[in-house]
C-alpha atoms as a PDB file:
ATOM      1  CA  UNK A   1     118.716 -64.998 160.365  1.00  0.00           C
ATOM      2  CA  UNK A   2     118.305 -67.296 163.075  1.00  0.00           C
ATOM      3  CA  UNK A   3     121.400 -69.445 162.224  1.00  0.00           C
ATOM      4  CA  UNK A   4     123.604 -66.255 162.358  1.00  0.00           C
ATOM      5  CA  UNK A   5     122.420 -65.479 165.851  1.00  0.00           C
ATOM      6  CA  UNK A   6     123.204 -68.642 166.986  1.00  0.00           C
ATOM      7  CA  UNK A   7     126.701 -68.732 165.616  1.00  0.00           C
ATOM      8  CA  UNK A   8     127.489 -65.179 166.726  1.00  0.00           C
ATOM      9  CA  UNK A   9     126.015 -66.438 170.479  1.00  0.00           C
ATOM     10  CA  UNK A  10     128.222 -69.306 170.465  1.00  0.00           C
ATOM     11  CA  UNK A  11     131.136 -67.227 169.398  1.00  0.00           C
ATOM     12  CA  UNK A  12     130.839 -64.918 172.460  1.00  0.00           C
ATOM     13  CA  UNK A  13     130.457 -67.659 174.754  1.00  0.00           C
ATOM     14  CA  UNK A  14     133.337 -69.344 173.477  1.00  0.00           C
ATOM     15  CA  UNK A  15     135.514 -66.161 173.830  1.00  0.00           C
ATOM     16  CA  UNK A  16     134.280 -65.878 177.598  1.00  0.00           C
ATOM     17  CA  UNK A  17     135.036 -69.230 178.463  1.00  0.00           C
ATOM     18  CA  UNK A  18     138.287 -69.636 177.087  1.00  0.00           C
ATOM     19  CA  UNK A  19     140.152 -66.987 179.694  1.00  0.00           C
ATOM     20  CA  UNK A  20     139.270 -63.751 178.242  1.00  0.00           C
ATOM     21  CA  UNK A  21     140.156 -61.055 180.851  1.00  0.00           C
ATOM     22  CA  UNK A  22     136.605 -59.417 181.738  1.00  0.00           C
ATOM     23  CA  UNK A  23     136.329 -55.555 182.123  1.00  0.00           C
ATOM     24  CA  UNK A  24     135.927 -54.766 186.064  1.00  0.00           C
ATOM     25  CA  UNK A  25     135.880 -51.721 187.953  1.00  0.00           C
ATOM     26  CA  UNK A  26     136.326 -50.791 191.799  1.00  0.00           C
ATOM     27  CA  UNK A  27     134.995 -48.257 193.399  1.00  0.00           C
ATOM     28  CA  UNK A  28     134.843 -46.415 197.049  1.00  0.00           C
ATOM     29  CA  UNK A  29     133.722 -43.510 198.474  1.00  0.00           C
ATOM     30  CA  UNK A  30     136.016 -42.231 200.784  1.00  0.00           C
ATOM     31  CA  UNK A  31     135.945 -39.239 202.549  1.00  0.00           C
ATOM     32  CA  UNK A  32     132.497 -38.306 200.989  1.00  0.00           C
ATOM     33  CA  UNK A  33     134.664 -38.441 197.448  1.00  0.00           C
ATOM     34  CA  UNK A  34     134.571 -41.250 194.665  1.00  0.00           C
ATOM     35  CA  UNK A  35     137.514 -43.271 193.686  1.00  0.00           C
ATOM     36  CA  UNK A  36     137.529 -45.565 190.651  1.00  0.00           C
ATOM     37  CA  UNK A  37     140.110 -48.146 189.543  1.00  0.00           C
ATOM     38  CA  UNK A  38     138.788 -49.575 185.822  1.00  0.00           C
ATOM     39  CA  UNK A  39     140.892 -52.574 184.595  1.00  0.00           C
ATOM     40  CA  UNK A  40     140.598 -55.892 182.910  1.00  0.00           C
ATOM     41  CA  UNK A  41     140.823 -58.888 185.275  1.00  0.00           C
ATOM     42  CA  UNK A  42     143.357 -61.497 183.984  1.00  0.00           C
ATOM     43  CA  UNK A  43     142.675 -65.329 185.269  1.00  0.00           C
ATOM     44  CA  UNK A  44     146.146 -67.070 186.764  1.00  0.00           C
ATOM     45  CA  UNK A  45     144.534 -69.971 184.340  1.00  0.00           C
ATOM     46  CA  UNK A  46     146.734 -73.021 185.532  1.00  0.00           C
ATOM     47  CA  UNK A  47     150.069 -70.649 185.566  1.00  0.00           C
ATOM     48  CA  UNK A  48     150.724 -70.027 189.239  1.00  0.00           C
ATOM     49  CA  UNK A  49     154.094 -69.620 189.731  1.00  0.00           C
ATOM     50  CA  UNK A  50     154.763 -68.699 186.185  1.00  0.00           C
ATOM     51  CA  UNK A  51     153.173 -64.730 186.110  1.00  0.00           C
ATOM     52  CA  UNK A  52     155.906 -62.531 188.397  1.00  0.00           C
ATOM     53  CA  UNK A  53     158.975 -63.962 187.819  1.00  0.00           C
ATOM     54  CA  UNK A  54     161.413 -62.588 185.122  1.00  0.00           C
ATOM     55  CA  UNK A  55     160.675 -65.589 182.652  1.00  0.00           C
ATOM     56  CA  UNK A  56     156.993 -65.707 183.516  1.00  0.00           C
ATOM     57  CA  UNK A  57     153.853 -64.353 181.898  1.00  0.00           C
ATOM     58  CA  UNK A  58     154.465 -60.919 182.537  1.00  0.00           C
ATOM     59  CA  UNK A  59     158.337 -60.598 181.777  1.00  0.00           C
ATOM     60  CA  UNK A  60     157.455 -60.969 177.964  1.00  0.00           C
ATOM     61  CA  UNK A  61     156.148 -57.544 177.958  1.00  0.00           C
ATOM     62  CA  UNK A  62     158.064 -55.221 176.319  1.00  0.00           C
ATOM     63  CA  UNK A  63     157.686 -52.726 179.462  1.00  0.00           C
ATOM     64  CA  UNK A  64     158.843 -55.338 182.136  1.00  0.00           C
ATOM     65  CA  UNK A  65     159.368 -54.996 184.855  1.00  0.00           C
ATOM     66  CA  UNK A  66     157.178 -52.360 184.759  1.00  0.00           C
ATOM     67  CA  UNK A  67     153.624 -54.114 184.570  1.00  0.00           C
ATOM     68  CA  UNK A  68     150.125 -52.820 183.682  1.00  0.00           C
ATOM     69  CA  UNK A  69     148.712 -54.279 186.619  1.00  0.00           C
ATOM     70  CA  UNK A  70     145.791 -55.601 184.812  1.00  0.00           C
ATOM     71  CA  UNK A  71     145.223 -57.093 181.400  1.00  0.00           C
ATOM     72  CA  UNK A  72     144.547 -55.352 177.745  1.00  0.00           C
ATOM     73  CA  UNK A  73     144.030 -51.386 178.142  1.00  0.00           C
ATOM     74  CA  UNK A  74     146.149 -49.785 180.918  1.00  0.00           C
ATOM     75  CA  UNK A  75     144.826 -49.793 184.476  1.00  0.00           C
ATOM     76  CA  UNK A  76     142.579 -46.115 184.986  1.00  0.00           C
ATOM     77  CA  UNK A  77     142.337 -44.629 187.976  1.00  0.00           C
ATOM     78  CA  UNK A  78     139.690 -41.541 189.045  1.00  0.00           C
ATOM     79  CA  UNK A  79     140.318 -39.640 191.960  1.00  0.00           C
ATOM     80  CA  UNK A  80     137.112 -37.178 192.566  1.00  0.00           C
ATOM     81  CA  UNK A  81     139.403 -35.210 195.008  1.00  0.00           C
ATOM     82  CA  UNK A  82     142.928 -34.806 195.526  1.00  0.00           C
ATOM     83  CA  UNK A  83     144.445 -37.881 197.211  1.00  0.00           C
ATOM     84  CA  UNK A  84     147.601 -39.035 199.201  1.00  0.00           C
ATOM     85  CA  UNK A  85     148.732 -42.150 197.884  1.00  0.00           C
ATOM     86  CA  UNK A  86     151.470 -43.431 200.479  1.00  0.00           C
ATOM     87  CA  UNK A  87     153.742 -40.271 200.807  1.00  0.00           C
ATOM     88  CA  UNK A  88     152.790 -38.702 196.887  1.00  0.00           C
ATOM     89  CA  UNK A  89     150.517 -36.239 196.607  1.00  0.00           C
ATOM     90  CA  UNK A  90     147.951 -37.054 193.608  1.00  0.00           C
ATOM     91  CA  UNK A  91     145.551 -34.297 192.733  1.00  0.00           C
ATOM     92  CA  UNK A  92     142.154 -35.182 191.748  1.00  0.00           C
ATOM     93  CA  UNK A  93     141.610 -35.831 188.042  1.00  0.00           C
ATOM     94  CA  UNK A  94     142.518 -39.408 185.939  1.00  0.00           C
ATOM     95  CA  UNK A  95     145.492 -41.256 185.985  1.00  0.00           C
ATOM     96  CA  UNK A  96     147.126 -44.998 184.691  1.00  0.00           C
ATOM     97  CA  UNK A  97     148.506 -47.293 187.246  1.00  0.00           C
ATOM     98  CA  UNK A  98     151.351 -49.577 186.989  1.00  0.00           C
ATOM     99  CA  UNK A  99     153.279 -51.373 189.224  1.00  0.00           C
ATOM    100  CA  UNK A 100     157.113 -52.212 189.131  1.00  0.00           C
ATOM    101  CA  UNK A 101     157.653 -55.691 190.154  1.00  0.00           C
ATOM    102  CA  UNK A 102     161.613 -55.467 189.600  1.00  0.00           C
ATOM    103  CA  UNK A 103     161.441 -57.523 193.234  1.00  0.00           C
ATOM    104  CA  UNK A 104     158.339 -60.114 192.738  1.00  0.00           C
ATOM    105  CA  UNK A 105     158.419 -59.399 196.771  1.00  0.00           C
ATOM    106  CA  UNK A 106     158.422 -55.659 196.943  1.00  0.00           C
ATOM    107  CA  UNK A 107     156.349 -53.884 194.274  1.00  0.00           C
ATOM    108  CA  UNK A 108     156.121 -50.254 193.873  1.00  0.00           C
ATOM    109  CA  UNK A 109     152.770 -48.730 192.783  1.00  0.00           C
ATOM    110  CA  UNK A 110     153.361 -46.130 189.622  1.00  0.00           C
ATOM    111  CA  UNK A 111     150.692 -43.421 189.387  1.00  0.00           C
ATOM    112  CA  UNK A 112     151.421 -42.178 185.852  1.00  0.00           C
ATOM    113  CA  UNK A 113     149.769 -39.045 184.522  1.00  0.00           C
ATOM    114  CA  UNK A 114     149.472 -40.487 180.700  1.00  0.00           C
ATOM    115  CA  UNK A 115     145.746 -41.918 180.134  1.00  0.00           C
ATOM    116  CA  UNK A 116     143.477 -43.748 177.612  1.00  0.00           C
ATOM    117  CA  UNK A 117     146.756 -45.852 176.149  1.00  0.00           C
ATOM    118  CA  UNK A 118     146.768 -49.762 175.568  1.00  0.00           C
ATOM    119  CA  UNK A 119     148.565 -51.109 178.864  1.00  0.00           C
ATOM    120  CA  UNK A 120     151.463 -52.273 177.118  1.00  0.00           C
ATOM    121  CA  UNK A 121     152.471 -48.435 175.981  1.00  0.00           C
ATOM    122  CA  UNK A 122     154.308 -46.706 179.381  1.00  0.00           C
ATOM    123  CA  UNK A 123     156.331 -43.828 179.180  1.00  0.00           C
ATOM    124  CA  UNK A 124     158.210 -43.347 182.224  1.00  0.00           C
ATOM    125  CA  UNK A 125     158.784 -39.445 182.056  1.00  0.00           C
ATOM    126  CA  UNK A 126     154.725 -39.409 182.735  1.00  0.00           C
ATOM    127  CA  UNK A 127     155.112 -40.634 186.204  1.00  0.00           C
ATOM    128  CA  UNK A 128     153.599 -38.466 188.664  1.00  0.00           C
ATOM    129  CA  UNK A 129     155.274 -40.836 191.520  1.00  0.00           C
ATOM    130  CA  UNK A 130     155.924 -43.932 192.928  1.00  0.00           C
ATOM    131  CA  UNK A 131     154.793 -45.654 196.242  1.00  0.00           C
ATOM    132  CA  UNK A 132     156.226 -48.774 197.776  1.00  0.00           C
ATOM    133  CA  UNK A 133     153.497 -51.349 198.535  1.00  0.00           C
ATOM    134  CA  UNK A 134     153.073 -53.357 201.561  1.00  0.00           C
ATOM    135  CA  UNK A 135     153.096 -56.905 200.520  1.00  0.00           C
ATOM    136  CA  UNK A 136     151.268 -59.695 201.686  1.00  0.00           C
ATOM    137  CA  UNK A 137     150.179 -63.341 200.539  1.00  0.00           C
ATOM    138  CA  UNK A 138     146.489 -63.546 200.263  1.00  0.00           C
ATOM    139  CA  UNK A 139     145.292 -66.800 202.064  1.00  0.00           C
ATOM    140  CA  UNK A 140     144.316 -68.844 198.924  1.00  0.00           C
ATOM    141  CA  UNK A 141     145.370 -68.391 195.549  1.00  0.00           C
ATOM    142  CA  UNK A 142     143.471 -65.388 193.589  1.00  0.00           C
ATOM    143  CA  UNK A 143     142.484 -66.649 190.344  1.00  0.00           C
ATOM    144  CA  UNK A 144     141.257 -63.211 189.219  1.00  0.00           C
ATOM    145  CA  UNK A 145     143.346 -60.399 189.309  1.00  0.00           C
ATOM    146  CA  UNK A 146     141.567 -57.740 191.695  1.00  0.00           C
ATOM    147  CA  UNK A 147     141.407 -54.440 193.247  1.00  0.00           C
ATOM    148  CA  UNK A 148     139.721 -53.760 196.313  1.00  0.00           C
ATOM    149  CA  UNK A 149     139.206 -49.706 197.677  1.00  0.00           C
ATOM    150  CA  UNK A 150     138.712 -49.736 201.345  1.00  0.00           C
ATOM    151  CA  UNK A 151     136.981 -46.792 203.379  1.00  0.00           C
ATOM    152  CA  UNK A 152     139.228 -46.686 206.515  1.00  0.00           C
ATOM    153  CA  UNK A 153     136.878 -43.769 207.965  1.00  0.00           C
ATOM    154  CA  UNK A 154     138.047 -40.339 208.703  1.00  0.00           C
ATOM    155  CA  UNK A 155     139.053 -39.694 205.080  1.00  0.00           C
ATOM    156  CA  UNK A 156     141.648 -42.561 204.807  1.00  0.00           C
ATOM    157  CA  UNK A 157     141.377 -45.570 202.847  1.00  0.00           C
ATOM    158  CA  UNK A 158     143.545 -48.263 201.192  1.00  0.00           C
ATOM    159  CA  UNK A 159     144.046 -49.853 197.730  1.00  0.00           C
ATOM    160  CA  UNK A 160     144.918 -53.573 197.298  1.00  0.00           C
ATOM    161  CA  UNK A 161     145.809 -55.490 194.328  1.00  0.00           C
ATOM    162  CA  UNK A 162     146.094 -59.364 194.582  1.00  0.00           C
ATOM    163  CA  UNK A 163     146.636 -61.608 192.074  1.00  0.00           C
ATOM    164  CA  UNK A 164     147.903 -65.364 192.200  1.00  0.00           C
ATOM    165  CA  UNK A 165     150.039 -65.801 195.303  1.00  0.00           C
ATOM    166  CA  UNK A 166     150.744 -61.877 195.798  1.00  0.00           C
ATOM    167  CA  UNK A 167     149.117 -59.000 197.160  1.00  0.00           C
ATOM    168  CA  UNK A 168     150.171 -55.301 197.076  1.00  0.00           C
ATOM    169  CA  UNK A 169     148.643 -52.796 199.629  1.00  0.00           C
ATOM    170  CA  UNK A 170     148.901 -49.239 200.257  1.00  0.00           C
ATOM    171  CA  UNK A 171     147.391 -46.389 202.191  1.00  0.00           C
ATOM    172  CA  UNK A 172     145.383 -43.630 200.861  1.00  0.00           C
ATOM    173  CA  UNK A 173     143.963 -40.512 201.901  1.00  0.00           C
ATOM    174  CA  UNK A 174     141.599 -37.673 201.033  1.00  0.00           C
ATOM    175  CA  UNK A 175     142.758 -34.040 201.197  1.00  0.00           C
END
């Protein structure tokens, strides 16, 4: 029995060591309301410069140039209040986030009404809308994909998504 437990622990440790995309959650309270993003965080893993190009890592997804903006299951957004993301009205509730990376330097955040799907399942007919993101470059390569929600005060905030040498930011407000 002890040998089975040791073997099981070794399998788990090996899967973590060899680049699994760990689950992550980013949560913020903005205007007194909770906003949460659940996603899986892939690593660059020596693929810098080979992720966002048409022939890069994401270009092999069947949904390209729409990207699941994470790994594994689709990235989930939950809002306890009605929001405005960019100029898009988003009623409180649950959504899936995708990003259109047709132009790697001009991303569009996609808020999609379909939820609970695997990340490579995208139905454009379910889009609530799209919002242009303000693009920038982080000061250093971002190894693990990272979402950040920031409270700016007065019911306003921002959502940032950074990975590799790209960062997209969009303003949001709680209604």
